[in-house]
Structures are given as C-alpha cells and as structure tokens.
N, C-alpha and C. Protein backbone atom coordinates (compact mmCIF):
# COMPACT_ATOMS: atom_id res chain seq x y z
N MET A 1 9.44 31.84 -44.10
CA MET A 1 9.40 30.69 -43.70
C MET A 1 9.61 30.38 -42.17
N LYS A 2 10.58 31.23 -41.77
CA LYS A 2 10.91 30.80 -40.60
C LYS A 2 9.76 31.42 -39.36
N ILE A 3 8.63 32.37 -39.77
CA ILE A 3 7.55 32.52 -39.22
C ILE A 3 6.65 31.64 -39.13
N ILE A 4 6.26 30.92 -40.52
CA ILE A 4 5.58 29.76 -40.64
C ILE A 4 5.64 28.93 -39.70
N SER A 5 7.07 28.68 -39.75
CA SER A 5 7.27 27.17 -38.92
C SER A 5 7.08 27.55 -37.36
N LEU A 6 7.59 28.65 -36.98
CA LEU A 6 7.02 29.12 -35.51
C LEU A 6 5.82 28.96 -35.22
N ILE A 7 4.32 29.28 -36.11
CA ILE A 7 3.40 29.39 -36.17
C ILE A 7 2.94 28.21 -35.85
N LEU A 8 3.16 27.07 -36.82
CA LEU A 8 3.00 25.69 -36.83
C LEU A 8 3.33 25.03 -35.52
N ILE A 9 4.68 25.30 -34.97
CA ILE A 9 4.92 24.53 -33.36
C ILE A 9 4.04 25.19 -32.81
N ALA A 10 3.87 26.29 -32.38
CA ALA A 10 2.68 26.50 -31.77
C ALA A 10 1.49 26.42 -31.33
N THR A 11 0.90 26.02 -32.78
CA THR A 11 -0.44 25.51 -32.87
C THR A 11 -0.42 23.88 -32.75
N LEU A 12 0.63 23.40 -33.21
CA LEU A 12 0.48 22.03 -33.06
C LEU A 12 1.05 21.40 -32.08
N THR A 13 1.60 22.12 -31.08
CA THR A 13 2.36 21.37 -29.88
C THR A 13 1.14 21.61 -28.40
N GLY A 14 1.47 21.29 -27.29
CA GLY A 14 0.64 21.69 -26.42
C GLY A 14 -0.91 20.85 -26.38
N CYS A 15 -0.69 19.82 -27.23
CA CYS A 15 -2.22 19.37 -27.74
C CYS A 15 -2.44 18.36 -26.48
N SER A 16 -1.50 17.97 -25.57
CA SER A 16 -2.07 17.52 -24.56
C SER A 16 -3.18 18.00 -23.62
N THR A 17 -3.10 19.31 -23.54
CA THR A 17 -4.15 20.02 -22.68
C THR A 17 -5.49 19.74 -23.16
N PHE A 18 -5.48 19.33 -24.39
CA PHE A 18 -6.98 19.38 -25.01
C PHE A 18 -7.14 17.52 -25.01
N ALA A 19 -6.25 17.08 -24.50
CA ALA A 19 -6.77 15.41 -24.67
C ALA A 19 -7.95 15.00 -23.37
N SER A 20 -8.39 14.25 -23.42
CA SER A 20 -9.13 13.64 -22.55
C SER A 20 -8.50 13.25 -21.09
N LYS A 21 -8.95 13.82 -20.12
CA LYS A 21 -8.16 13.65 -18.73
C LYS A 21 -8.28 12.31 -18.27
N THR A 22 -9.56 11.49 -18.78
CA THR A 22 -9.72 10.36 -18.15
C THR A 22 -9.62 9.16 -19.34
N GLN A 23 -9.33 8.15 -18.53
CA GLN A 23 -9.34 6.79 -19.50
C GLN A 23 -10.01 5.82 -19.23
N GLN A 24 -10.69 4.58 -19.91
CA GLN A 24 -11.61 3.70 -19.55
C GLN A 24 -10.61 2.55 -19.22
N PHE A 25 -11.13 1.95 -18.10
CA PHE A 25 -10.15 1.11 -17.60
C PHE A 25 -11.39 -0.33 -17.11
N SER A 26 -10.86 -1.12 -17.77
CA SER A 26 -11.67 -2.76 -17.41
C SER A 26 -10.75 -3.70 -16.73
N VAL A 27 -12.14 -4.58 -16.06
CA VAL A 27 -11.26 -5.53 -14.87
C VAL A 27 -12.79 -6.53 -15.39
N THR A 28 -11.83 -8.00 -15.44
CA THR A 28 -12.76 -8.94 -15.37
C THR A 28 -12.22 -9.55 -14.23
N ALA A 29 -13.22 -10.85 -13.78
CA ALA A 29 -12.25 -11.64 -12.71
C ALA A 29 -13.27 -13.12 -12.87
N THR A 30 -12.71 -13.72 -12.38
CA THR A 30 -12.77 -15.41 -12.47
C THR A 30 -12.69 -15.94 -10.77
N PRO A 31 -14.27 -16.25 -10.17
CA PRO A 31 -15.32 -16.53 -10.46
C PRO A 31 -16.10 -15.15 -10.82
N LYS A 32 -17.47 -15.58 -11.61
CA LYS A 32 -17.85 -14.25 -12.17
C LYS A 32 -18.41 -13.50 -11.13
N ASP A 33 -18.74 -14.06 -9.66
CA ASP A 33 -19.29 -12.91 -8.87
C ASP A 33 -18.35 -12.61 -7.94
N ALA A 34 -17.49 -12.38 -8.08
CA ALA A 34 -16.16 -11.71 -7.14
C ALA A 34 -15.99 -10.35 -7.40
N SER A 35 -16.08 -9.59 -6.23
CA SER A 35 -16.21 -8.19 -6.37
C SER A 35 -15.19 -7.43 -6.72
N ILE A 36 -15.14 -6.61 -7.44
CA ILE A 36 -13.99 -5.93 -8.01
C ILE A 36 -14.07 -4.25 -7.46
N ILE A 37 -13.16 -3.92 -6.82
CA ILE A 37 -13.05 -2.71 -6.19
C ILE A 37 -11.68 -1.79 -6.83
N ILE A 38 -12.13 -0.78 -7.60
CA ILE A 38 -11.27 0.19 -8.34
C ILE A 38 -10.65 1.33 -7.29
N ASN A 39 -9.95 1.46 -7.13
CA ASN A 39 -9.62 2.86 -6.51
C ASN A 39 -10.48 3.00 -5.11
N GLY A 40 -10.31 2.18 -4.34
CA GLY A 40 -11.52 2.10 -3.16
C GLY A 40 -13.16 1.61 -3.56
N GLN A 41 -13.37 1.95 -4.51
CA GLN A 41 -14.85 2.19 -4.60
C GLN A 41 -15.46 0.55 -5.56
N LEU A 42 -16.33 0.11 -4.91
CA LEU A 42 -16.86 -1.54 -5.73
C LEU A 42 -17.44 -0.66 -6.72
N ARG A 43 -17.27 -1.66 -7.96
CA ARG A 43 -17.66 -1.16 -8.88
C ARG A 43 -18.43 -2.34 -10.02
N GLY A 44 -18.57 -3.50 -9.35
CA GLY A 44 -19.49 -4.48 -9.75
C GLY A 44 -18.65 -5.74 -9.50
N LYS A 45 -19.24 -7.01 -9.91
CA LYS A 45 -19.07 -8.08 -9.64
C LYS A 45 -18.66 -8.93 -11.11
N GLY A 46 -17.65 -9.63 -11.11
CA GLY A 46 -17.04 -10.30 -12.35
C GLY A 46 -16.63 -9.47 -13.54
N HIS A 47 -17.29 -8.12 -13.86
CA HIS A 47 -16.54 -7.24 -14.83
C HIS A 47 -17.20 -5.90 -14.33
N ALA A 48 -16.11 -5.14 -14.29
CA ALA A 48 -16.17 -3.65 -14.47
C ALA A 48 -15.60 -2.99 -15.02
N VAL A 49 -16.21 -1.67 -15.34
CA VAL A 49 -15.49 -0.74 -16.48
C VAL A 49 -15.55 0.83 -15.20
N ALA A 50 -14.60 1.13 -15.55
CA ALA A 50 -14.46 2.83 -14.44
C ALA A 50 -13.50 3.62 -15.55
N GLU A 51 -13.97 5.09 -15.56
CA GLU A 51 -13.27 5.89 -15.89
C GLU A 51 -12.57 6.39 -14.86
N VAL A 52 -11.26 6.50 -15.20
CA VAL A 52 -10.07 6.73 -14.24
C VAL A 52 -9.00 8.01 -14.70
N LYS A 53 -8.49 8.56 -13.76
CA LYS A 53 -7.45 9.71 -14.38
C LYS A 53 -6.32 9.33 -15.11
N ARG A 54 -6.14 9.75 -16.01
CA ARG A 54 -4.73 9.53 -16.70
C ARG A 54 -3.44 9.41 -16.21
N ASP A 55 -3.47 10.61 -15.28
CA ASP A 55 -2.11 11.12 -14.62
C ASP A 55 -2.10 10.40 -13.46
N SER A 56 -2.78 9.48 -12.95
CA SER A 56 -2.80 8.87 -11.50
C SER A 56 -2.72 7.69 -11.67
N SER A 57 -2.01 6.93 -10.50
CA SER A 57 -2.45 5.14 -10.54
C SER A 57 -3.66 4.64 -10.15
N VAL A 58 -3.71 3.54 -10.53
CA VAL A 58 -5.04 2.77 -10.09
C VAL A 58 -4.84 1.62 -9.63
N SER A 59 -5.32 1.48 -8.37
CA SER A 59 -5.26 0.40 -7.23
C SER A 59 -6.60 -0.88 -7.73
N VAL A 60 -6.61 -2.05 -7.87
CA VAL A 60 -7.45 -2.67 -8.22
C VAL A 60 -7.45 -4.16 -7.10
N MET A 61 -8.48 -4.27 -6.63
CA MET A 61 -8.86 -5.16 -5.62
C MET A 61 -9.85 -6.10 -5.78
N VAL A 62 -9.64 -7.86 -6.00
CA VAL A 62 -10.70 -8.44 -6.35
C VAL A 62 -10.50 -9.60 -5.44
N SER A 63 -11.96 -9.55 -4.52
CA SER A 63 -12.13 -10.42 -3.71
C SER A 63 -13.45 -11.37 -3.70
N LYS A 64 -13.55 -12.56 -2.93
CA LYS A 64 -14.73 -13.50 -2.81
C LYS A 64 -14.73 -14.11 -1.55
N LYS A 65 -15.80 -14.10 -0.84
CA LYS A 65 -15.46 -14.80 0.48
C LYS A 65 -15.38 -16.68 -0.31
N GLY A 66 -14.23 -17.12 0.79
CA GLY A 66 -13.85 -18.44 0.74
C GLY A 66 -12.80 -18.42 -0.88
N CYS A 67 -12.29 -17.10 -1.32
CA CYS A 67 -11.13 -17.06 -2.03
C CYS A 67 -10.12 -16.16 -1.62
N GLN A 68 -8.78 -16.66 -2.32
CA GLN A 68 -7.39 -15.21 -1.83
C GLN A 68 -7.69 -14.37 -2.62
N PRO A 69 -7.95 -13.40 -1.91
CA PRO A 69 -7.95 -12.12 -2.83
C PRO A 69 -6.79 -11.58 -3.53
N MET A 70 -7.14 -10.62 -4.48
CA MET A 70 -5.82 -10.30 -5.13
C MET A 70 -5.83 -8.84 -5.33
N HIS A 71 -4.57 -8.11 -5.34
CA HIS A 71 -4.22 -6.79 -5.60
C HIS A 71 -3.40 -6.50 -6.45
N ARG A 72 -3.61 -5.65 -7.24
CA ARG A 72 -2.95 -5.06 -8.38
C ARG A 72 -2.86 -3.46 -8.45
N ALA A 73 -1.67 -2.85 -8.47
CA ALA A 73 -1.70 -1.49 -8.81
C ALA A 73 -1.15 -1.17 -10.03
N ILE A 74 -1.55 -0.36 -10.98
CA ILE A 74 -1.47 -0.10 -11.98
C ILE A 74 -0.86 1.60 -12.28
N GLY A 75 0.40 1.59 -13.00
CA GLY A 75 0.71 2.96 -12.70
C GLY A 75 0.60 3.73 -14.00
N HIS A 76 1.22 4.82 -14.39
CA HIS A 76 0.97 5.80 -15.75
C HIS A 76 2.30 5.95 -16.24
N SER A 77 2.50 6.74 -17.53
CA SER A 77 3.77 7.11 -17.96
C SER A 77 3.06 7.89 -19.30
N ILE A 78 4.14 8.59 -19.34
CA ILE A 78 3.97 9.74 -20.52
C ILE A 78 3.43 9.05 -21.92
N ASN A 79 2.54 9.72 -22.79
CA ASN A 79 1.94 9.32 -23.96
C ASN A 79 2.73 9.59 -25.05
N GLY A 80 2.31 9.55 -26.27
CA GLY A 80 2.78 9.97 -27.26
C GLY A 80 2.50 11.67 -27.49
N LEU A 81 1.03 12.18 -27.47
CA LEU A 81 1.13 13.54 -27.18
C LEU A 81 1.81 14.31 -26.21
N GLY A 82 2.22 13.56 -24.62
CA GLY A 82 3.09 13.99 -23.95
C GLY A 82 4.58 14.01 -24.43
N ILE A 83 5.23 12.95 -25.44
CA ILE A 83 6.33 13.33 -26.15
C ILE A 83 6.56 14.38 -26.88
N LEU A 84 5.70 14.67 -27.65
CA LEU A 84 5.27 15.84 -28.89
C LEU A 84 5.52 17.07 -27.87
N ASP A 85 4.95 17.03 -26.86
CA ASP A 85 4.69 18.31 -26.37
C ASP A 85 6.16 18.47 -25.48
N GLY A 86 6.77 17.38 -24.83
CA GLY A 86 8.34 17.74 -24.57
C GLY A 86 9.11 18.11 -25.55
N ILE A 87 9.20 17.63 -26.81
CA ILE A 87 9.90 18.02 -28.03
C ILE A 87 9.72 19.67 -28.17
N GLY A 88 8.55 19.49 -28.43
CA GLY A 88 8.06 21.10 -28.54
C GLY A 88 8.34 21.91 -27.69
N THR A 89 8.52 21.93 -26.15
CA THR A 89 8.71 22.44 -25.14
C THR A 89 10.34 23.09 -25.35
N LEU A 90 11.24 22.05 -26.03
CA LEU A 90 12.62 22.43 -26.16
C LEU A 90 12.75 23.95 -27.24
N ILE A 91 11.57 23.97 -28.23
CA ILE A 91 11.69 24.89 -28.96
C ILE A 91 11.26 26.13 -28.42
N LEU A 92 9.96 26.07 -28.31
CA LEU A 92 9.06 27.06 -27.58
C LEU A 92 8.55 26.39 -26.35
N LEU A 93 8.50 27.45 -25.40
CA LEU A 93 7.69 27.00 -23.93
C LEU A 93 6.36 26.70 -23.80
N VAL A 94 5.92 27.07 -24.74
CA VAL A 94 4.23 27.14 -24.83
C VAL A 94 3.91 25.35 -24.61
N PRO A 95 4.43 24.40 -25.29
CA PRO A 95 3.91 22.91 -24.90
C PRO A 95 3.91 22.50 -23.60
N ALA A 96 4.68 23.28 -22.79
CA ALA A 96 5.31 22.87 -21.51
C ALA A 96 3.71 22.92 -20.78
N PHE A 97 2.77 23.34 -21.16
CA PHE A 97 1.07 23.70 -20.62
C PHE A 97 0.96 22.17 -20.67
N GLY A 98 1.17 21.57 -22.02
CA GLY A 98 0.38 19.92 -22.18
C GLY A 98 0.98 19.09 -21.20
N LEU A 99 2.32 19.11 -21.02
CA LEU A 99 2.72 18.04 -20.07
C LEU A 99 2.49 18.19 -18.70
N ALA A 100 1.65 19.35 -18.23
CA ALA A 100 1.35 19.55 -16.94
C ALA A 100 -0.10 19.13 -16.67
N SER A 101 -0.56 18.67 -17.87
CA SER A 101 -2.09 18.13 -17.88
C SER A 101 -2.13 16.74 -17.94
N ALA A 102 -3.09 16.16 -17.64
CA ALA A 102 -3.38 14.48 -17.54
C ALA A 102 -3.37 13.97 -18.82
N GLY A 103 -3.69 14.72 -19.81
CA GLY A 103 -3.62 14.31 -21.25
C GLY A 103 -2.35 13.65 -21.96
N ALA A 104 -1.35 14.08 -20.94
CA ALA A 104 0.13 13.84 -21.70
C ALA A 104 0.36 12.43 -21.11
N TYR A 105 -0.52 11.77 -20.47
CA TYR A 105 -0.36 10.55 -19.75
C TYR A 105 -0.93 9.34 -20.10
N SER A 106 -0.89 7.96 -19.97
CA SER A 106 -1.87 6.98 -20.10
C SER A 106 -1.23 5.95 -19.45
N LEU A 107 -2.45 5.16 -18.98
CA LEU A 107 -1.92 3.99 -17.96
C LEU A 107 -1.15 3.18 -18.59
N ASP A 108 -0.25 2.59 -17.58
CA ASP A 108 0.27 1.46 -18.27
C ASP A 108 -0.51 0.43 -18.95
N GLU A 109 -1.79 -0.16 -18.26
CA GLU A 109 -2.51 -1.07 -18.96
C GLU A 109 -3.87 -0.67 -18.84
N ASP A 110 -4.89 -1.15 -19.56
CA ASP A 110 -6.16 -0.33 -19.28
C ASP A 110 -7.23 -1.67 -19.43
N THR A 111 -6.64 -3.01 -19.42
CA THR A 111 -7.64 -4.12 -19.28
C THR A 111 -6.83 -5.32 -18.37
N LEU A 112 -7.53 -5.64 -17.37
CA LEU A 112 -6.86 -6.76 -16.51
C LEU A 112 -7.70 -7.93 -16.22
N HIS A 113 -7.41 -9.32 -15.82
CA HIS A 113 -8.27 -10.16 -15.62
C HIS A 113 -7.72 -10.98 -14.58
N PHE A 114 -8.09 -11.15 -13.68
CA PHE A 114 -7.87 -11.87 -12.26
C PHE A 114 -8.56 -13.31 -12.32
N THR A 115 -7.81 -14.36 -12.17
CA THR A 115 -8.42 -15.69 -11.63
C THR A 115 -8.15 -16.00 -10.22
N LEU A 116 -9.25 -16.00 -9.47
CA LEU A 116 -8.76 -16.15 -8.04
C LEU A 116 -8.67 -17.79 -7.69
N LEU A 117 -8.03 -18.05 -6.69
CA LEU A 117 -7.81 -19.28 -6.11
C LEU A 117 -8.43 -19.40 -4.94
N CYS A 118 -9.79 -20.49 -5.04
CA CYS A 118 -10.77 -20.50 -3.95
C CYS A 118 -10.48 -21.97 -3.47
N ASP A 119 -11.10 -22.10 -2.23
CA ASP A 119 -11.19 -23.32 -1.47
C ASP A 119 -11.71 -24.32 -2.16
N GLY A 120 -11.55 -25.42 -2.41
CA GLY A 120 -11.68 -26.57 -3.28
C GLY A 120 -11.24 -26.67 -4.74
N ASP A 121 -10.41 -25.55 -4.92
CA ASP A 121 -9.85 -25.63 -6.30
C ASP A 121 -8.52 -26.38 -6.28
N GLU A 122 -8.60 -27.34 -7.36
CA GLU A 122 -7.08 -28.16 -7.36
C GLU A 122 -5.91 -27.38 -7.71
N SER A 123 -4.83 -27.41 -7.59
CA SER A 123 -3.92 -27.04 -8.06
C SER A 123 -3.29 -27.34 -9.11
C-alpha cells in the first residue's frame, strides 16, 4: 500500500510542468478608439486580447489624444496546481519542478476595462 501511495504522489504531482505557460488577457476601453498597449506593444483600439506569460506581471496602458491616459500593472500569484505541487514537494521532491514552471502561476486579473476621462466630459 505504501508503494502505491508513493507512485500516486509521484505521478499526480508536478502537474504545473504540463500546464499552459500562457494565459489569455483581455482589455476593453471607452472610448472605443482608445489605443491599448499591453507589455509595451500596441494590441488594438477599444478591445484587445493577448496571450501573456502566467508567471510575469502585465503592464497595460490605455490612451487617446485629448484624454488622460491610464496605466495599470497586474501581478501574478501561485494557482491551485502550484499549491498542489508545493504540498507534494513536502512529501517527495519531484513536484518542485512544477513550482519552477510558469504553469504554477496565474495572473491576479485576466480582464480589465478602462474608461478614460476626455476633454469635454462632464464630471
């Protein structure tokens, strides 16, 4: 029984290594023709979707001439697979490889909406 338990732990942990290294990230903006820049790259106007690394922070800038630009940084944290790998590491060292992979993390937010304050808008 002990051997079966060890085999199960070894095969069911470290799963983060096999998880996707990227995550879909979506941004919408008002007005609809505002430029959306994600991690320094122009991704669209009004709406943009990008595949970003799970284990890196994301920088978003939204701007339009005549409007006050807005910036937001999104962090990342360990996800459920990463937690399981952490628990498995206490029992067997193999899952530690999962903790070192991007699949063990997720962005803190994956959808953002910005509303820019433009000249002529009433407060």
